PDB file of N, CA and C in Angstrom:
ATOM      1  N   MET A   1     -17.244-111.370  60.222  1.00  0.00           N
ATOM      2  CA  MET A   1     -15.964-111.765  60.756  1.00  0.00           C
ATOM      3  C   MET A   1     -15.510-110.704  61.751  1.00  0.00           C
ATOM      4  N   LYS A   2     -15.109-111.154  62.911  1.00  0.00           N
ATOM      5  CA  LYS A   2     -14.586-110.251  63.928  1.00  0.00           C
ATOM      6  C   LYS A   2     -13.070-110.156  63.742  1.00  0.00           C
ATOM      7  N   ILE A   3     -12.577-108.933  63.610  1.00  0.00           N
ATOM      8  CA  ILE A   3     -11.161-108.711  63.324  1.00  0.00           C
ATOM      9  C   ILE A   3     -10.539-107.900  64.450  1.00  0.00           C
ATOM     10  N   LEU A   4      -9.399-108.377  64.949  1.00  0.00           N
ATOM     11  CA  LEU A   4      -8.656-107.664  65.986  1.00  0.00           C
ATOM     12  C   LEU A   4      -7.177-107.710  65.608  1.00  0.00           C
ATOM     13  N   ILE A   5      -6.600-106.542  65.332  1.00  0.00           N
ATOM     14  CA  ILE A   5      -5.185-106.426  64.993  1.00  0.00           C
ATOM     15  C   ILE A   5      -4.530-105.552  66.060  1.00  0.00           C
ATOM     16  N   SER A   6      -3.475-106.069  66.686  1.00  0.00           N
ATOM     17  CA  SER A   6      -2.785-105.287  67.706  1.00  0.00           C
ATOM     18  C   SER A   6      -1.374-104.934  67.229  1.00  0.00           C
ATOM     19  N   HIS A   7      -1.010-103.682  67.456  1.00  0.00           N
ATOM     20  CA  HIS A   7       0.313-103.186  67.080  1.00  0.00           C
ATOM     21  C   HIS A   7       0.731-102.149  68.103  1.00  0.00           C
ATOM     22  N   LYS A   8       2.028-101.895  68.183  1.00  0.00           N
ATOM     23  CA  LYS A   8       2.532-100.987  69.205  1.00  0.00           C
ATOM     24  C   LYS A   8       2.748 -99.578  68.678  1.00  0.00           C
ATOM     25  N   LEU A   9       3.231 -99.454  67.471  1.00  0.00           N
ATOM     26  CA  LEU A   9       3.515 -98.128  66.932  1.00  0.00           C
ATOM     27  C   LEU A   9       2.379 -97.662  66.023  1.00  0.00           C
ATOM     28  N   ASN A  10       2.070 -96.400  66.105  1.00  0.00           N
ATOM     29  CA  ASN A  10       0.983 -95.832  65.321  1.00  0.00           C
ATOM     30  C   ASN A  10       1.330 -95.759  63.834  1.00  0.00           C
ATOM     31  N   GLU A  11       2.607 -95.713  63.496  1.00  0.00           N
ATOM     32  CA  GLU A  11       3.011 -95.633  62.092  1.00  0.00           C
ATOM     33  C   GLU A  11       2.747 -96.939  61.341  1.00  0.00           C
ATOM     34  N   TRP A  12       2.581 -98.035  62.053  1.00  0.00           N
ATOM     35  CA  TRP A  12       2.280 -99.313  61.403  1.00  0.00           C
ATOM     36  C   TRP A  12       0.800 -99.445  61.061  1.00  0.00           C
ATOM     37  N   ARG A  13      -0.039 -98.615  61.654  1.00  0.00           N
ATOM     38  CA  ARG A  13      -1.488 -98.772  61.535  1.00  0.00           C
ATOM     39  C   ARG A  13      -1.977 -98.655  60.097  1.00  0.00           C
ATOM     40  N   VAL A  14      -1.542 -97.650  59.370  1.00  0.00           N
ATOM     41  CA  VAL A  14      -2.045 -97.415  58.019  1.00  0.00           C
ATOM     42  C   VAL A  14      -1.668 -98.547  57.057  1.00  0.00           C
ATOM     43  N   PRO A  15      -0.384 -98.960  56.962  1.00  0.00           N
ATOM     44  CA  PRO A  15      -0.092-100.049  56.019  1.00  0.00           C
ATOM     45  C   PRO A  15      -0.771-101.361  56.393  1.00  0.00           C
ATOM     46  N   ILE A  16      -0.932-101.599  57.694  1.00  0.00           N
ATOM     47  CA  ILE A  16      -1.585-102.837  58.119  1.00  0.00           C
ATOM     48  C   ILE A  16      -3.060-102.810  57.744  1.00  0.00           C
ATOM     49  N   GLU A  17      -3.723-101.686  57.966  1.00  0.00           N
ATOM     50  CA  GLU A  17      -5.154-101.592  57.653  1.00  0.00           C
ATOM     51  C   GLU A  17      -5.416-101.688  56.161  1.00  0.00           C
ATOM     52  N   VAL A  18      -4.552-101.086  55.355  1.00  0.00           N
ATOM     53  CA  VAL A  18      -4.735-101.131  53.899  1.00  0.00           C
ATOM     54  C   VAL A  18      -4.625-102.563  53.388  1.00  0.00           C
ATOM     55  N   GLU A  19      -3.580-103.250  53.809  1.00  0.00           N
ATOM     56  CA  GLU A  19      -3.368-104.620  53.328  1.00  0.00           C
ATOM     57  C   GLU A  19      -4.396-105.576  53.928  1.00  0.00           C
ATOM     58  N   THR A  20      -4.760-105.371  55.179  1.00  0.00           N
ATOM     59  CA  THR A  20      -5.723-106.249  55.835  1.00  0.00           C
ATOM     60  C   THR A  20      -7.097-106.130  55.196  1.00  0.00           C
ATOM     61  N   ALA A  21      -7.501-104.929  54.842  1.00  0.00           N
ATOM     62  CA  ALA A  21      -8.821-104.736  54.229  1.00  0.00           C
ATOM     63  C   ALA A  21      -8.943-105.519  52.925  1.00  0.00           C
ATOM     64  N   ARG A  22      -7.882-105.498  52.117  1.00  0.00           N
ATOM     65  CA  ARG A  22      -7.909-106.224  50.847  1.00  0.00           C
ATOM     66  C   ARG A  22      -7.960-107.735  51.066  1.00  0.00           C
ATOM     67  N   ARG A  23      -7.150-108.204  51.993  1.00  0.00           N
ATOM     68  CA  ARG A  23      -7.045-109.645  52.220  1.00  0.00           C
ATOM     69  C   ARG A  23      -8.257-110.220  52.945  1.00  0.00           C
ATOM     70  N   VAL A  24      -8.892-109.433  53.793  1.00  0.00           N
ATOM     71  CA  VAL A  24     -10.065-109.912  54.521  1.00  0.00           C
ATOM     72  C   VAL A  24     -11.229-110.138  53.564  1.00  0.00           C
ATOM     73  N   MET A  25     -11.340-109.296  52.538  1.00  0.00           N
ATOM     74  CA  MET A  25     -12.408-109.505  51.550  1.00  0.00           C
ATOM     75  C   MET A  25     -12.250-110.861  50.868  1.00  0.00           C
ATOM     76  N   LYS A  26     -11.026-111.229  50.558  1.00  0.00           N
ATOM     77  CA  LYS A  26     -10.782-112.526  49.922  1.00  0.00           C
ATOM     78  C   LYS A  26     -11.071-113.672  50.892  1.00  0.00           C
ATOM     79  N   LEU A  27     -10.690-113.504  52.159  1.00  0.00           N
ATOM     80  CA  LEU A  27     -10.978-114.530  53.167  1.00  0.00           C
ATOM     81  C   LEU A  27     -12.484-114.706  53.370  1.00  0.00           C
ATOM     82  N   GLU A  28     -13.229-113.605  53.336  1.00  0.00           N
ATOM     83  CA  GLU A  28     -14.675-113.697  53.510  1.00  0.00           C
ATOM     84  C   GLU A  28     -15.325-114.480  52.381  1.00  0.00           C
ATOM     85  N   LYS A  29     -14.777-114.370  51.176  1.00  0.00           N
ATOM     86  CA  LYS A  29     -15.295-115.168  50.057  1.00  0.00           C
ATOM     87  C   LYS A  29     -15.042-116.650  50.287  1.00  0.00           C
ATOM     88  N   LEU A  30     -13.874-116.969  50.840  1.00  0.00           N
ATOM     89  CA  LEU A  30     -13.556-118.370  51.101  1.00  0.00           C
ATOM     90  C   LEU A  30     -14.379-118.940  52.253  1.00  0.00           C
ATOM     91  N   LEU A  31     -14.742-118.091  53.201  1.00  0.00           N
ATOM     92  CA  LEU A  31     -15.420-118.547  54.413  1.00  0.00           C
ATOM     93  C   LEU A  31     -16.901-118.195  54.428  1.00  0.00           C
ATOM     94  N   LYS A  32     -17.521-118.074  53.273  1.00  0.00           N
ATOM     95  CA  LYS A  32     -18.921-117.662  53.248  1.00  0.00           C
ATOM     96  C   LYS A  32     -19.879-118.749  53.750  1.00  0.00           C
ATOM     97  N   SER A  33     -19.395-119.972  53.930  1.00  0.00           N
ATOM     98  CA  SER A  33     -20.261-121.030  54.457  1.00  0.00           C
ATOM     99  C   SER A  33     -20.411-120.937  55.981  1.00  0.00           C
ATOM    100  N   TYR A  34     -19.563-120.154  56.640  1.00  0.00           N
ATOM    101  CA  TYR A  34     -19.639-119.976  58.092  1.00  0.00           C
ATOM    102  C   TYR A  34     -20.430-118.718  58.423  1.00  0.00           C
ATOM    103  N   ALA A  35     -21.076-118.723  59.567  1.00  0.00           N
ATOM    104  CA  ALA A  35     -21.751-117.509  60.047  1.00  0.00           C
ATOM    105  C   ALA A  35     -20.692-116.477  60.419  1.00  0.00           C
ATOM    106  N   PRO A  36     -20.896-115.219  60.034  1.00  0.00           N
ATOM    107  CA  PRO A  36     -19.866-114.201  60.303  1.00  0.00           C
ATOM    108  C   PRO A  36     -19.571-113.991  61.791  1.00  0.00           C
ATOM    109  N   ASP A  37     -20.532-114.256  62.646  1.00  0.00           N
ATOM    110  CA  ASP A  37     -20.309-114.068  64.077  1.00  0.00           C
ATOM    111  C   ASP A  37     -19.350-115.102  64.656  1.00  0.00           C
ATOM    112  N   LEU A  38     -19.238-116.266  64.017  1.00  0.00           N
ATOM    113  CA  LEU A  38     -18.437-117.356  64.557  1.00  0.00           C
ATOM    114  C   LEU A  38     -16.984-117.333  64.109  1.00  0.00           C
ATOM    115  N   VAL A  39     -16.658-116.472  63.155  1.00  0.00           N
ATOM    116  CA  VAL A  39     -15.293-116.408  62.619  1.00  0.00           C
ATOM    117  C   VAL A  39     -14.563-115.235  63.259  1.00  0.00           C
ATOM    118  N   GLN A  40     -13.384-115.517  63.843  1.00  0.00           N
ATOM    119  CA  GLN A  40     -12.589-114.476  64.481  1.00  0.00           C
ATOM    120  C   GLN A  40     -11.173-114.496  63.922  1.00  0.00           C
ATOM    121  N   LEU A  41     -10.655-113.316  63.643  1.00  0.00           N
ATOM    122  CA  LEU A  41      -9.299-113.169  63.115  1.00  0.00           C
ATOM    123  C   LEU A  41      -8.515-112.268  64.064  1.00  0.00           C
ATOM    124  N   HIS A  42      -7.433-112.803  64.614  1.00  0.00           N
ATOM    125  CA  HIS A  42      -6.571-112.042  65.523  1.00  0.00           C
ATOM    126  C   HIS A  42      -5.188-111.928  64.890  1.00  0.00           C
ATOM    127  N   GLY A  43      -4.662-110.732  64.878  1.00  0.00           N
ATOM    128  CA  GLY A  43      -3.338-110.519  64.319  1.00  0.00           C
ATOM    129  C   GLY A  43      -2.492-109.652  65.227  1.00  0.00           C
ATOM    130  N   THR A  44      -1.198-109.970  65.288  1.00  0.00           N
ATOM    131  CA  THR A  44      -0.257-109.153  66.057  1.00  0.00           C
ATOM    132  C   THR A  44       0.991-108.929  65.217  1.00  0.00           C
ATOM    133  N   ILE A  45       1.557-107.749  65.355  1.00  0.00           N
ATOM    134  CA  ILE A  45       2.792-107.441  64.636  1.00  0.00           C
ATOM    135  C   ILE A  45       3.836-106.986  65.650  1.00  0.00           C
ATOM    136  N   GLU A  46       5.048-107.403  65.389  1.00  0.00           N
ATOM    137  CA  GLU A  46       6.153-106.989  66.257  1.00  0.00           C
ATOM    138  C   GLU A  46       7.408-106.844  65.418  1.00  0.00           C
ATOM    139  N   LYS A  47       8.321-106.032  65.926  1.00  0.00           N
ATOM    140  CA  LYS A  47       9.592-105.805  65.242  1.00  0.00           C
ATOM    141  C   LYS A  47      10.650-106.652  65.921  1.00  0.00           C
ATOM    142  N   ARG A  48      11.468-107.312  65.119  1.00  0.00           N
ATOM    143  CA  ARG A  48      12.563-108.099  65.675  1.00  0.00           C
ATOM    144  C   ARG A  48      13.554-107.157  66.344  1.00  0.00           C
ATOM    145  N   PRO A  49      14.046-107.488  67.526  1.00  0.00           N
ATOM    146  CA  PRO A  49      14.867-106.535  68.277  1.00  0.00           C
ATOM    147  C   PRO A  49      16.200-106.181  67.622  1.00  0.00           C
ATOM    148  N   ARG A  50      16.879-107.141  67.046  1.00  0.00           N
ATOM    149  CA  ARG A  50      18.222-106.853  66.537  1.00  0.00           C
ATOM    150  C   ARG A  50      18.292-106.778  65.025  1.00  0.00           C
ATOM    151  N   LYS A  51      17.176-106.959  64.378  1.00  0.00           N
ATOM    152  CA  LYS A  51      17.165-106.926  62.915  1.00  0.00           C
ATOM    153  C   LYS A  51      16.160-105.889  62.446  1.00  0.00           C
ATOM    154  N   GLU A  52      16.272-105.517  61.215  1.00  0.00           N
ATOM    155  CA  GLU A  52      15.296-104.636  60.594  1.00  0.00           C
ATOM    156  C   GLU A  52      14.264-105.534  59.911  1.00  0.00           C
ATOM    157  N   GLU A  53      13.540-106.297  60.745  1.00  0.00           N
ATOM    158  CA  GLU A  53      12.610-107.292  60.238  1.00  0.00           C
ATOM    159  C   GLU A  53      11.353-107.280  61.107  1.00  0.00           C
ATOM    160  N   TYR A  54      10.221-107.551  60.475  1.00  0.00           N
ATOM    161  CA  TYR A  54       8.944-107.549  61.175  1.00  0.00           C
ATOM    162  C   TYR A  54       8.337-108.941  61.129  1.00  0.00           C
ATOM    163  N   LEU A  55       7.554-109.251  62.152  1.00  0.00           N
ATOM    164  CA  LEU A  55       6.884-110.545  62.257  1.00  0.00           C
ATOM    165  C   LEU A  55       5.400-110.296  62.483  1.00  0.00           C
ATOM    166  N   PHE A  56       4.564-110.829  61.603  1.00  0.00           N
ATOM    167  CA  PHE A  56       3.113-110.683  61.713  1.00  0.00           C
ATOM    168  C   PHE A  56       2.524-112.075  61.878  1.00  0.00           C
ATOM    169  N   SER A  57       1.791-112.285  62.965  1.00  0.00           N
ATOM    170  CA  SER A  57       1.185-113.594  63.199  1.00  0.00           C
ATOM    171  C   SER A  57      -0.331-113.455  63.186  1.00  0.00           C
ATOM    172  N   LEU A  58      -0.975-114.436  62.565  1.00  0.00           N
ATOM    173  CA  LEU A  58      -2.431-114.455  62.427  1.00  0.00           C
ATOM    174  C   LEU A  58      -2.994-115.711  63.066  1.00  0.00           C
ATOM    175  N   ASN A  59      -4.123-115.576  63.727  1.00  0.00           N
ATOM    176  CA  ASN A  59      -4.879-116.703  64.255  1.00  0.00           C
ATOM    177  C   ASN A  59      -6.301-116.566  63.732  1.00  0.00           C
ATOM    178  N   LEU A  60      -6.761-117.577  63.031  1.00  0.00           N
ATOM    179  CA  LEU A  60      -8.117-117.587  62.493  1.00  0.00           C
ATOM    180  C   LEU A  60      -8.898-118.674  63.216  1.00  0.00           C
ATOM    181  N   SER A  61      -9.900-118.256  63.982  1.00  0.00           N
ATOM    182  CA  SER A  61     -10.713-119.208  64.739  1.00  0.00           C
ATOM    183  C   SER A  61     -12.000-119.471  63.979  1.00  0.00           C
ATOM    184  N   LEU A  62     -12.183-120.713  63.604  1.00  0.00           N
ATOM    185  CA  LEU A  62     -13.381-121.164  62.894  1.00  0.00           C
ATOM    186  C   LEU A  62     -14.140-122.122  63.800  1.00  0.00           C
ATOM    187  N   PRO A  63     -15.410-122.362  63.528  1.00  0.00           N
ATOM    188  CA  PRO A  63     -16.133-123.350  64.331  1.00  0.00           C
ATOM    189  C   PRO A  63     -15.568-124.764  64.191  1.00  0.00           C
ATOM    190  N   THR A  64     -14.891-125.044  63.099  1.00  0.00           N
ATOM    191  CA  THR A  64     -14.344-126.385  62.866  1.00  0.00           C
ATOM    192  C   THR A  64     -12.873-126.507  63.221  1.00  0.00           C
ATOM    193  N   GLY A  65     -12.224-125.422  63.637  1.00  0.00           N
ATOM    194  CA  GLY A  65     -10.813-125.502  64.011  1.00  0.00           C
ATOM    195  C   GLY A  65     -10.171-124.127  64.048  1.00  0.00           C
ATOM    196  N   THR A  66      -8.904-124.108  64.416  1.00  0.00           N
ATOM    197  CA  THR A  66      -8.142-122.872  64.497  1.00  0.00           C
ATOM    198  C   THR A  66      -6.917-122.991  63.604  1.00  0.00           C
ATOM    199  N   LEU A  67      -6.656-121.951  62.819  1.00  0.00           N
ATOM    200  CA  LEU A  67      -5.515-121.924  61.905  1.00  0.00           C
ATOM    201  C   LEU A  67      -4.552-120.826  62.338  1.00  0.00           C
ATOM    202  N   HIS A  68      -3.251-121.094  62.218  1.00  0.00           N
ATOM    203  CA  HIS A  68      -2.209-120.149  62.608  1.00  0.00           C
ATOM    204  C   HIS A  68      -1.278-119.922  61.429  1.00  0.00           C
ATOM    205  N   ALA A  69      -0.836-118.681  61.255  1.00  0.00           N
ATOM    206  CA  ALA A  69       0.112-118.365  60.185  1.00  0.00           C
ATOM    207  C   ALA A  69       0.995-117.208  60.635  1.00  0.00           C
ATOM    208  N   THR A  70       2.221-117.197  60.123  1.00  0.00           N
ATOM    209  CA  THR A  70       3.152-116.105  60.408  1.00  0.00           C
ATOM    210  C   THR A  70       3.782-115.627  59.118  1.00  0.00           C
ATOM    211  N   GLY A  71       4.151-114.366  59.098  1.00  0.00           N
ATOM    212  CA  GLY A  71       4.847-113.794  57.955  1.00  0.00           C
ATOM    213  C   GLY A  71       6.000-112.941  58.433  1.00  0.00           C
ATOM    214  N   GLU A  72       7.163-113.136  57.848  1.00  0.00           N
ATOM    215  CA  GLU A  72       8.348-112.350  58.190  1.00  0.00           C
ATOM    216  C   GLU A  72       8.841-111.636  56.944  1.00  0.00           C
ATOM    217  N   ALA A  73       9.173-110.352  57.106  1.00  0.00           N
ATOM    218  CA  ALA A  73       9.711-109.583  55.989  1.00  0.00           C
ATOM    219  C   ALA A  73      10.376-108.320  56.529  1.00  0.00           C
ATOM    220  N   GLY A  74      11.079-107.637  55.670  1.00  0.00           N
ATOM    221  CA  GLY A  74      11.752-106.409  56.047  1.00  0.00           C
ATOM    222  C   GLY A  74      10.827-105.209  56.023  1.00  0.00           C
ATOM    223  N   ASP A  75       9.618-105.388  55.514  1.00  0.00           N
ATOM    224  CA  ASP A  75       8.639-104.315  55.403  1.00  0.00           C
ATOM    225  C   ASP A  75       7.361-104.751  56.113  1.00  0.00           C
ATOM    226  N   VAL A  76       6.661-103.813  56.717  1.00  0.00           N
ATOM    227  CA  VAL A  76       5.432-104.137  57.448  1.00  0.00           C
ATOM    228  C   VAL A  76       4.386-104.709  56.505  1.00  0.00           C
ATOM    229  N   ARG A  77       4.213-104.066  55.378  1.00  0.00           N
ATOM    230  CA  ARG A  77       3.178-104.504  54.425  1.00  0.00           C
ATOM    231  C   ARG A  77       3.498-105.874  53.832  1.00  0.00           C
ATOM    232  N   ALA A  78       4.757-106.137  53.584  1.00  0.00           N
ATOM    233  CA  ALA A  78       5.150-107.422  53.008  1.00  0.00           C
ATOM    234  C   ALA A  78       4.944-108.569  53.990  1.00  0.00           C
ATOM    235  N   CYS A  79       5.182-108.339  55.260  1.00  0.00           N
ATOM    236  CA  CYS A  79       4.983-109.420  56.229  1.00  0.00           C
ATOM    237  C   CYS A  79       3.497-109.693  56.429  1.00  0.00           C
ATOM    238  N   VAL A  80       2.656-108.667  56.355  1.00  0.00           N
ATOM    239  CA  VAL A  80       1.202-108.869  56.428  1.00  0.00           C
ATOM    240  C   VAL A  80       0.728-109.672  55.225  1.00  0.00           C
ATOM    241  N   LYS A  81       1.261-109.330  54.058  1.00  0.00           N
ATOM    242  CA  LYS A  81       0.892-110.034  52.830  1.00  0.00           C
ATOM    243  C   LYS A  81       1.300-111.502  52.896  1.00  0.00           C
ATOM    244  N   ALA A  82       2.475-111.781  53.434  1.00  0.00           N
ATOM    245  CA  ALA A  82       2.956-113.166  53.529  1.00  0.00           C
ATOM    246  C   ALA A  82       2.103-113.982  54.498  1.00  0.00           C
ATOM    247  N   ALA A  83       1.731-113.391  55.615  1.00  0.00           N
ATOM    248  CA  ALA A  83       0.910-114.113  56.592  1.00  0.00           C
ATOM    249  C   ALA A  83      -0.474-114.410  56.034  1.00  0.00           C
ATOM    250  N   PHE A  84      -1.065-113.462  55.342  1.00  0.00           N
ATOM    251  CA  PHE A  84      -2.387-113.698  54.767  1.00  0.00           C
ATOM    252  C   PHE A  84      -2.334-114.716  53.634  1.00  0.00           C
ATOM    253  N   ALA A  85      -1.257-114.721  52.866  1.00  0.00           N
ATOM    254  CA  ALA A  85      -1.119-115.722  51.810  1.00  0.00           C
ATOM    255  C   ALA A  85      -1.048-117.125  52.411  1.00  0.00           C
ATOM    256  N   GLU A  86      -0.325-117.250  53.522  1.00  0.00           N
ATOM    257  CA  GLU A  86      -0.218-118.549  54.183  1.00  0.00           C
ATOM    258  C   GLU A  86      -1.557-118.989  54.773  1.00  0.00           C
ATOM    259  N   ILE A  87      -2.292-118.062  55.363  1.00  0.00           N
ATOM    260  CA  ILE A  87      -3.577-118.431  55.981  1.00  0.00           C
ATOM    261  C   ILE A  87      -4.602-118.787  54.904  1.00  0.00           C
ATOM    262  N   GLU A  88      -4.511-118.151  53.734  1.00  0.00           N
ATOM    263  CA  GLU A  88      -5.441-118.482  52.642  1.00  0.00           C
ATOM    264  C   GLU A  88      -5.211-119.899  52.136  1.00  0.00           C
ATOM    265  N   THR A  89      -3.956-120.315  52.014  1.00  0.00           N
ATOM    266  CA  THR A  89      -3.699-121.690  51.579  1.00  0.00           C
ATOM    267  C   THR A  89      -4.157-122.682  52.636  1.00  0.00           C
ATOM    268  N   GLN A  90      -3.999-122.330  53.909  1.00  0.00           N
ATOM    269  CA  GLN A  90      -4.464-123.218  54.975  1.00  0.00           C
ATOM    270  C   GLN A  90      -5.982-123.333  54.971  1.00  0.00           C
ATOM    271  N   VAL A  91      -6.677-122.227  54.703  1.00  0.00           N
ATOM    272  CA  VAL A  91      -8.143-122.264  54.651  1.00  0.00           C
ATOM    273  C   VAL A  91      -8.605-123.150  53.502  1.00  0.00           C
ATOM    274  N   LYS A  92      -7.945-123.039  52.355  1.00  0.00           N
ATOM    275  CA  LYS A  92      -8.324-123.870  51.206  1.00  0.00           C
ATOM    276  C   LYS A  92      -8.119-125.353  51.509  1.00  0.00           C
ATOM    277  N   LYS A  93      -7.010-125.692  52.158  1.00  0.00           N
ATOM    278  CA  LYS A  93      -6.773-127.088  52.531  1.00  0.00           C
ATOM    279  C   LYS A  93      -7.780-127.560  53.571  1.00  0.00           C
ATOM    280  N   HIS A  94      -8.106-126.704  54.529  1.00  0.00           N
ATOM    281  CA  HIS A  94      -9.049-127.053  55.584  1.00  0.00           C
ATOM    282  C   HIS A  94     -10.443-127.306  55.000  1.00  0.00           C
ATOM    283  N   MET A  95     -10.860-126.455  54.089  1.00  0.00           N
ATOM    284  CA  MET A  95     -12.172-126.628  53.464  1.00  0.00           C
ATOM    285  C   MET A  95     -12.208-127.890  52.605  1.00  0.00           C
ATOM    286  N   ALA A  96     -11.103-128.218  51.937  1.00  0.00           N
ATOM    287  CA  ALA A  96     -11.040-129.442  51.142  1.00  0.00           C
ATOM    288  C   ALA A  96     -11.134-130.673  52.029  1.00  0.00           C
ATOM    289  N   LEU A  97     -10.510-130.622  53.195  1.00  0.00           N
ATOM    290  CA  LEU A  97     -10.610-131.750  54.127  1.00  0.00           C
ATOM    291  C   LEU A  97     -12.029-131.897  54.676  1.00  0.00           C
ATOM    292  N   LEU A  98     -12.688-130.787  54.936  1.00  0.00           N
ATOM    293  CA  LEU A  98     -14.061-130.854  55.432  1.00  0.00           C
ATOM    294  C   LEU A  98     -15.014-131.408  54.378  1.00  0.00           C
ATOM    295  N   ARG A  99     -14.753-131.089  53.108  1.00  0.00           N
ATOM    296  CA  ARG A  99     -15.576-131.617  52.027  1.00  0.00           C
ATOM    297  C   ARG A  99     -15.225-133.055  51.684  1.00  0.00           C
ATOM    298  N   LYS A 100     -14.135-133.543  52.261  1.00  0.00           N
ATOM    299  CA  LYS A 100     -13.602-134.879  51.996  1.00  0.00           C
ATOM    300  C   LYS A 100     -13.298-135.068  50.510  1.00  0.00           C
ATOM    301  N   ASP A 101     -12.567-134.098  49.964  1.00  0.00           N
ATOM    302  CA  ASP A 101     -12.171-134.178  48.562  1.00  0.00           C
ATOM    303  C   ASP A 101     -11.272-135.371  48.291  1.00  0.00           C
ATOM    304  N   TYR A 102     -10.530-135.812  49.289  1.00  0.00           N
ATOM    305  CA  TYR A 102      -9.605-136.925  49.093  1.00  0.00           C
ATOM    306  C   TYR A 102     -10.358-138.223  48.777  1.00  0.00           C
ATOM    307  N   GLU A 103     -11.607-138.347  49.185  1.00  0.00           N
ATOM    308  CA  GLU A 103     -12.384-139.546  48.875  1.00  0.00           C
ATOM    309  C   GLU A 103     -12.938-139.518  47.463  1.00  0.00           C
ATOM    310  N   TRP A 104     -13.063-138.356  46.899  1.00  0.00           N
ATOM    311  CA  TRP A 104     -13.674-138.231  45.581  1.00  0.00           C
ATOM    312  C   TRP A 104     -12.656-138.180  44.454  1.00  0.00           C
ATOM    313  N   LYS A 105     -11.393-138.320  44.750  1.00  0.00           N
ATOM    314  CA  LYS A 105     -10.384-138.319  43.690  1.00  0.00           C
ATOM    315  C   LYS A 105     -10.544-139.581  42.848  1.00  0.00           C
ATOM    316  N   ARG A 106     -10.600-139.410  41.569  1.00  0.00           N
ATOM    317  CA  ARG A 106     -10.722-140.549  40.657  1.00  0.00           C
ATOM    318  C   ARG A 106      -9.343-141.107  40.367  1.00  0.00           C
ATOM    319  N   LYS A 107      -9.246-142.396  40.382  1.00  0.00           N
ATOM    320  CA  LYS A 107      -7.987-143.035  40.036  1.00  0.00           C
ATOM    321  C   LYS A 107      -8.013-143.363  38.555  1.00  0.00           C
ATOM    322  N   ARG A 108      -6.901-143.126  37.915  1.00  0.00           N
ATOM    323  CA  ARG A 108      -6.802-143.428  36.488  1.00  0.00           C
ATOM    324  C   ARG A 108      -6.620-144.922  36.289  1.00  0.00           C
ATOM    325  N   PRO A 109      -7.255-145.451  35.276  1.00  0.00           N
ATOM    326  CA  PRO A 109      -7.053-146.877  35.021  1.00  0.00           C
ATOM    327  C   PRO A 109      -5.646-147.132  34.500  1.00  0.00           C
ATOM    328  N   ARG A 110      -5.087-148.233  34.918  1.00  0.00           N
ATOM    329  CA  ARG A 110      -3.739-148.579  34.440  1.00  0.00           C
ATOM    330  C   ARG A 110      -3.839-149.126  33.031  1.00  0.00           C
ATOM    331  N   LEU A 111      -2.834-148.848  32.231  1.00  0.00           N
ATOM    332  CA  LEU A 111      -2.833-149.320  30.851  1.00  0.00           C
ATOM    333  C   LEU A 111      -2.643-150.837  30.793  1.00  0.00           C
ATOM    334  N   ASP A 112      -1.969-151.432  31.795  1.00  0.00           N
ATOM    335  CA  ASP A 112      -1.752-152.871  31.798  1.00  0.00           C
ATOM    336  C   ASP A 112      -3.081-153.631  31.943  1.00  0.00           C
ATOM    337  N   ALA A 113      -3.961-153.101  32.748  1.00  0.00           N
ATOM    338  CA  ALA A 113      -5.239-153.786  32.988  1.00  0.00           C
ATOM    339  C   ALA A 113      -6.158-153.704  31.793  1.00  0.00           C
ATOM    340  N   LEU A 114      -6.038-152.682  30.974  1.00  0.00           N
ATOM    341  CA  LEU A 114      -6.916-152.537  29.817  1.00  0.00           C
ATOM    342  C   LEU A 114      -6.515-153.439  28.663  1.00  0.00           C
ATOM    343  N   ALA A 115      -5.251-153.745  28.551  1.00  0.00           N
ATOM    344  CA  ALA A 115      -4.762-154.523  27.397  1.00  0.00           C
ATOM    345  C   ALA A 115      -4.924-156.010  27.579  1.00  0.00           C
TER     346      ALA A 115
END
């Protein structure tokens, strides 16, 4: 997986790298069916101008589509965590759609038809 995280202040680098390293390992487990060269993760962080709030946006480019997620929080690490949590749920839904899980759902028999 190719990872590119852009930030403006050097003080944000350490908390972003710590949280990103943990979350990327989990994403790699979910995306092990793709070749690592074809998966790209781009992230940007910015501070809201008038608030003490941070915004972290993620773009995950897969061969089958592109997923976008954002996380907002008062702490740098918390907004990174929120964005990765959102992208993980999107990846799970995307993989379920590719497997066509919706076609394999079993319908329960109605009790009226059995009696």
